[in-house]
Amino acid sequence: MTFVSVMWSVWGLTVLVMAVMFLYRSRLTKDEADQIFLDDSFKSEQTAQQAIAEKVKRFQPLIRVSEIVAAVATLFVIGYYVNDIINQFK
């Protein structure tokens, strides 16, 4: 396996992991309400919303890490090809 195919495989894997994390977060927040109910009869609704918000809050650092890793991998791929172009003109 050549270096380029390994590089593209690693990049594709990092982007795939990031996409899966975004999909999971959107699946979590799908049921989150956009309104706050002030009536006492909606206490269970509020606790469910708080549980969803807590899950998203715990998951957010993992999404940040996957974004950073995907960005670094993308910059590496771009840098590799820029370096290749520069070396071809020498």
N, C-alpha and C. Protein backbone atom coordinates (compact mmCIF):
# COMPACT_ATOMS: atom_id res chain seq x y z
N MET A 1 0.85 -1.17 0.00
CA MET A 1 0.00 0.00 0.00
C MET A 1 0.90 1.24 0.00
N THR A 2 0.61 2.17 -0.89
CA THR A 2 1.45 3.34 -1.00
C THR A 2 1.07 4.38 0.05
N PHE A 3 1.96 5.36 0.19
CA PHE A 3 1.73 6.42 1.17
C PHE A 3 0.47 7.22 0.85
N VAL A 4 0.24 7.48 -0.42
CA VAL A 4 -0.92 8.29 -0.82
C VAL A 4 -2.22 7.57 -0.48
N SER A 5 -2.28 6.28 -0.73
CA SER A 5 -3.52 5.55 -0.42
C SER A 5 -3.75 5.47 1.10
N VAL A 6 -2.69 5.34 1.87
CA VAL A 6 -2.83 5.35 3.33
C VAL A 6 -3.28 6.73 3.80
N MET A 7 -2.69 7.77 3.22
CA MET A 7 -3.06 9.14 3.59
C MET A 7 -4.54 9.39 3.31
N TRP A 8 -5.02 9.01 2.13
CA TRP A 8 -6.42 9.21 1.79
C TRP A 8 -7.34 8.34 2.65
N SER A 9 -6.89 7.15 2.99
CA SER A 9 -7.69 6.28 3.86
C SER A 9 -7.84 6.88 5.25
N VAL A 10 -6.76 7.40 5.79
CA VAL A 10 -6.82 8.04 7.12
C VAL A 10 -7.71 9.27 7.06
N TRP A 11 -7.58 10.06 6.01
CA TRP A 11 -8.43 11.24 5.87
C TRP A 11 -9.90 10.85 5.77
N GLY A 12 -10.20 9.86 4.96
CA GLY A 12 -11.58 9.42 4.81
C GLY A 12 -12.15 8.88 6.12
N LEU A 13 -11.34 8.17 6.87
CA LEU A 13 -11.78 7.64 8.16
C LEU A 13 -12.06 8.77 9.15
N THR A 14 -11.21 9.77 9.19
CA THR A 14 -11.44 10.88 10.12
C THR A 14 -12.69 11.67 9.75
N VAL A 15 -12.91 11.88 8.47
CA VAL A 15 -14.11 12.60 8.04
C VAL A 15 -15.36 11.76 8.30
N LEU A 16 -15.27 10.45 8.10
CA LEU A 16 -16.40 9.57 8.37
C LEU A 16 -16.76 9.57 9.86
N VAL A 17 -15.75 9.51 10.72
CA VAL A 17 -16.00 9.56 12.17
C VAL A 17 -16.67 10.88 12.54
N MET A 18 -16.18 11.97 11.98
CA MET A 18 -16.78 13.27 12.27
C MET A 18 -18.24 13.33 11.78
N ALA A 19 -18.51 12.80 10.61
CA ALA A 19 -19.87 12.80 10.09
C ALA A 19 -20.80 11.95 10.96
N VAL A 20 -20.32 10.82 11.42
CA VAL A 20 -21.13 9.96 12.29
C VAL A 20 -21.43 10.69 13.60
N MET A 21 -20.45 11.40 14.13
CA MET A 21 -20.70 12.15 15.37
C MET A 21 -21.71 13.27 15.16
N PHE A 22 -21.65 13.95 14.03
CA PHE A 22 -22.65 14.99 13.73
C PHE A 22 -24.04 14.38 13.59
N LEU A 23 -24.12 13.23 12.93
CA LEU A 23 -25.41 12.57 12.79
C LEU A 23 -25.97 12.13 14.15
N TYR A 24 -25.11 11.62 15.01
CA TYR A 24 -25.55 11.21 16.34
C TYR A 24 -26.06 12.41 17.14
N ARG A 25 -25.33 13.52 17.06
CA ARG A 25 -25.76 14.72 17.78
C ARG A 25 -27.09 15.24 17.24
N SER A 26 -27.26 15.21 15.93
CA SER A 26 -28.53 15.68 15.37
C SER A 26 -29.66 14.73 15.74
N ARG A 27 -29.36 13.46 15.87
CA ARG A 27 -30.37 12.49 16.31
C ARG A 27 -30.77 12.76 17.76
N LEU A 28 -29.80 13.12 18.59
CA LEU A 28 -30.10 13.45 19.99
C LEU A 28 -30.97 14.69 20.09
N THR A 29 -30.64 15.70 19.33
CA THR A 29 -31.33 16.98 19.45
C THR A 29 -32.62 17.03 18.64
N LYS A 30 -32.93 15.97 17.92
CA LYS A 30 -34.14 15.94 17.10
C LYS A 30 -35.39 16.11 17.96
N ASP A 31 -35.39 15.52 19.13
CA ASP A 31 -36.57 15.56 20.00
C ASP A 31 -36.55 16.71 20.99
N GLU A 32 -35.54 17.56 20.90
CA GLU A 32 -35.44 18.67 21.85
C GLU A 32 -36.43 19.76 21.45
N ALA A 33 -37.15 20.24 22.42
CA ALA A 33 -38.15 21.29 22.16
C ALA A 33 -37.48 22.65 22.08
N ASP A 34 -38.08 23.51 21.28
CA ASP A 34 -37.57 24.86 21.15
C ASP A 34 -38.23 25.83 22.12
N GLN A 35 -39.15 25.33 22.94
CA GLN A 35 -39.90 26.19 23.85
C GLN A 35 -39.66 25.75 25.28
N ILE A 36 -39.82 26.67 26.19
CA ILE A 36 -39.76 26.38 27.62
C ILE A 36 -41.17 26.49 28.16
N PHE A 37 -41.62 25.43 28.82
CA PHE A 37 -42.95 25.43 29.40
C PHE A 37 -42.84 25.80 30.87
N LEU A 38 -43.64 26.75 31.31
CA LEU A 38 -43.56 27.23 32.68
C LEU A 38 -44.62 26.61 33.59
N ASP A 39 -45.49 25.81 33.03
CA ASP A 39 -46.56 25.17 33.80
C ASP A 39 -46.00 23.95 34.54
N ASP A 40 -46.51 23.66 35.73
CA ASP A 40 -46.03 22.54 36.51
C ASP A 40 -46.36 21.19 35.88
N SER A 41 -47.35 21.14 35.02
CA SER A 41 -47.73 19.87 34.40
C SER A 41 -46.70 19.40 33.37
N PHE A 42 -45.79 20.26 33.00
CA PHE A 42 -44.78 19.91 32.01
C PHE A 42 -43.41 19.65 32.64
N LYS A 43 -43.37 19.31 33.92
CA LYS A 43 -42.10 19.03 34.60
C LYS A 43 -41.37 17.86 33.97
N SER A 44 -42.11 16.80 33.61
CA SER A 44 -41.45 15.65 33.01
C SER A 44 -40.86 16.01 31.65
N GLU A 45 -41.53 16.89 30.93
CA GLU A 45 -41.01 17.36 29.65
C GLU A 45 -39.70 18.12 29.85
N GLN A 46 -39.65 18.94 30.88
CA GLN A 46 -38.45 19.72 31.16
C GLN A 46 -37.29 18.81 31.57
N THR A 47 -37.56 17.80 32.37
CA THR A 47 -36.47 16.90 32.79
C THR A 47 -35.96 16.10 31.59
N ALA A 48 -36.85 15.73 30.67
CA ALA A 48 -36.41 15.03 29.47
C ALA A 48 -35.53 15.95 28.62
N GLN A 49 -35.92 17.21 28.52
CA GLN A 49 -35.12 18.17 27.76
C GLN A 49 -33.76 18.40 28.42
N GLN A 50 -33.76 18.44 29.73
CA GLN A 50 -32.49 18.62 30.45
C GLN A 50 -31.59 17.41 30.25
N ALA A 51 -32.17 16.21 30.20
CA ALA A 51 -31.37 15.01 29.96
C ALA A 51 -30.76 15.03 28.56
N ILE A 52 -31.54 15.47 27.59
CA ILE A 52 -31.02 15.58 26.22
C ILE A 52 -29.90 16.61 26.17
N ALA A 53 -30.12 17.75 26.80
CA ALA A 53 -29.09 18.80 26.81
C ALA A 53 -27.82 18.32 27.50
N GLU A 54 -27.96 17.53 28.54
CA GLU A 54 -26.78 17.01 29.25
C GLU A 54 -26.01 16.02 28.37
N LYS A 55 -26.72 15.17 27.63
CA LYS A 55 -26.04 14.24 26.73
C LYS A 55 -25.28 14.98 25.65
N VAL A 56 -25.91 16.01 25.09
CA VAL A 56 -25.26 16.80 24.04
C VAL A 56 -24.04 17.52 24.62
N LYS A 57 -24.18 18.02 25.83
CA LYS A 57 -23.08 18.74 26.48
C LYS A 57 -21.89 17.81 26.73
N ARG A 58 -22.16 16.56 27.12
CA ARG A 58 -21.07 15.59 27.34
C ARG A 58 -20.43 15.16 26.03
N PHE A 59 -21.21 15.13 24.96
CA PHE A 59 -20.73 14.66 23.66
C PHE A 59 -19.98 15.74 22.89
N GLN A 60 -20.19 16.99 23.24
CA GLN A 60 -19.60 18.11 22.50
C GLN A 60 -18.06 18.08 22.44
N PRO A 61 -17.33 17.76 23.51
CA PRO A 61 -15.87 17.71 23.38
C PRO A 61 -15.38 16.67 22.37
N LEU A 62 -16.07 15.55 22.26
CA LEU A 62 -15.69 14.54 21.28
C LEU A 62 -15.87 15.06 19.86
N ILE A 63 -16.92 15.84 19.65
CA ILE A 63 -17.14 16.42 18.33
C ILE A 63 -16.04 17.43 18.02
N ARG A 64 -15.67 18.23 19.01
CA ARG A 64 -14.58 19.20 18.80
C ARG A 64 -13.28 18.49 18.41
N VAL A 65 -12.96 17.41 19.10
CA VAL A 65 -11.73 16.66 18.81
C VAL A 65 -11.80 16.09 17.40
N SER A 66 -12.95 15.53 17.01
CA SER A 66 -13.06 14.97 15.66
C SER A 66 -12.95 16.06 14.60
N GLU A 67 -13.48 17.25 14.87
CA GLU A 67 -13.33 18.36 13.94
C GLU A 67 -11.87 18.75 13.77
N ILE A 68 -11.15 18.82 14.89
CA ILE A 68 -9.74 19.20 14.85
C ILE A 68 -8.92 18.16 14.10
N VAL A 69 -9.16 16.88 14.39
CA VAL A 69 -8.42 15.81 13.71
C VAL A 69 -8.71 15.82 12.21
N ALA A 70 -9.97 16.01 11.84
CA ALA A 70 -10.32 16.07 10.41
C ALA A 70 -9.68 17.29 9.74
N ALA A 71 -9.63 18.42 10.44
CA ALA A 71 -9.00 19.62 9.88
C ALA A 71 -7.50 19.41 9.69
N VAL A 72 -6.85 18.80 10.67
CA VAL A 72 -5.41 18.53 10.56
C VAL A 72 -5.14 17.55 9.41
N ALA A 73 -5.97 16.52 9.29
CA ALA A 73 -5.81 15.56 8.20
C ALA A 73 -6.01 16.24 6.84
N THR A 74 -6.99 17.13 6.76
CA THR A 74 -7.23 17.86 5.52
C THR A 74 -6.05 18.76 5.17
N LEU A 75 -5.53 19.47 6.16
CA LEU A 75 -4.36 20.32 5.92
C LEU A 75 -3.15 19.49 5.51
N PHE A 76 -3.00 18.31 6.07
CA PHE A 76 -1.90 17.43 5.69
C PHE A 76 -2.02 17.01 4.23
N VAL A 77 -3.23 16.63 3.81
CA VAL A 77 -3.44 16.22 2.42
C VAL A 77 -3.17 17.39 1.47
N ILE A 78 -3.67 18.56 1.81
CA ILE A 78 -3.43 19.74 0.98
C ILE A 78 -1.94 20.07 0.94
N GLY A 79 -1.29 20.02 2.08
CA GLY A 79 0.15 20.28 2.13
C GLY A 79 0.95 19.30 1.32
N TYR A 80 0.54 18.04 1.35
CA TYR A 80 1.24 17.02 0.55
C TYR A 80 1.18 17.35 -0.93
N TYR A 81 0.00 17.73 -1.41
CA TYR A 81 -0.14 18.02 -2.84
C TYR A 81 0.49 19.35 -3.22
N VAL A 82 0.47 20.32 -2.34
CA VAL A 82 1.18 21.58 -2.62
C VAL A 82 2.67 21.33 -2.71
N ASN A 83 3.19 20.53 -1.79
CA ASN A 83 4.61 20.17 -1.81
C ASN A 83 4.94 19.40 -3.09
N ASP A 84 4.06 18.53 -3.52
CA ASP A 84 4.28 17.77 -4.75
C ASP A 84 4.32 18.69 -5.96
N ILE A 85 3.43 19.67 -6.00
CA ILE A 85 3.41 20.63 -7.11
C ILE A 85 4.69 21.46 -7.12
N ILE A 86 5.11 21.91 -5.94
CA ILE A 86 6.35 22.71 -5.86
C ILE A 86 7.55 21.89 -6.31
N ASN A 87 7.62 20.63 -5.91
CA ASN A 87 8.74 19.79 -6.30
C ASN A 87 8.74 19.48 -7.79
N GLN A 88 7.60 19.46 -8.44
CA GLN A 88 7.55 19.20 -9.88
C GLN A 88 8.08 20.38 -10.68
N PHE A 89 7.99 21.60 -10.16
CA PHE A 89 8.49 22.77 -10.88
C PHE A 89 9.96 23.04 -10.63
N LYS A 90 10.58 22.31 -9.75
CA LYS A 90 12.02 22.53 -9.49
C LYS A 90 12.86 21.84 -10.51
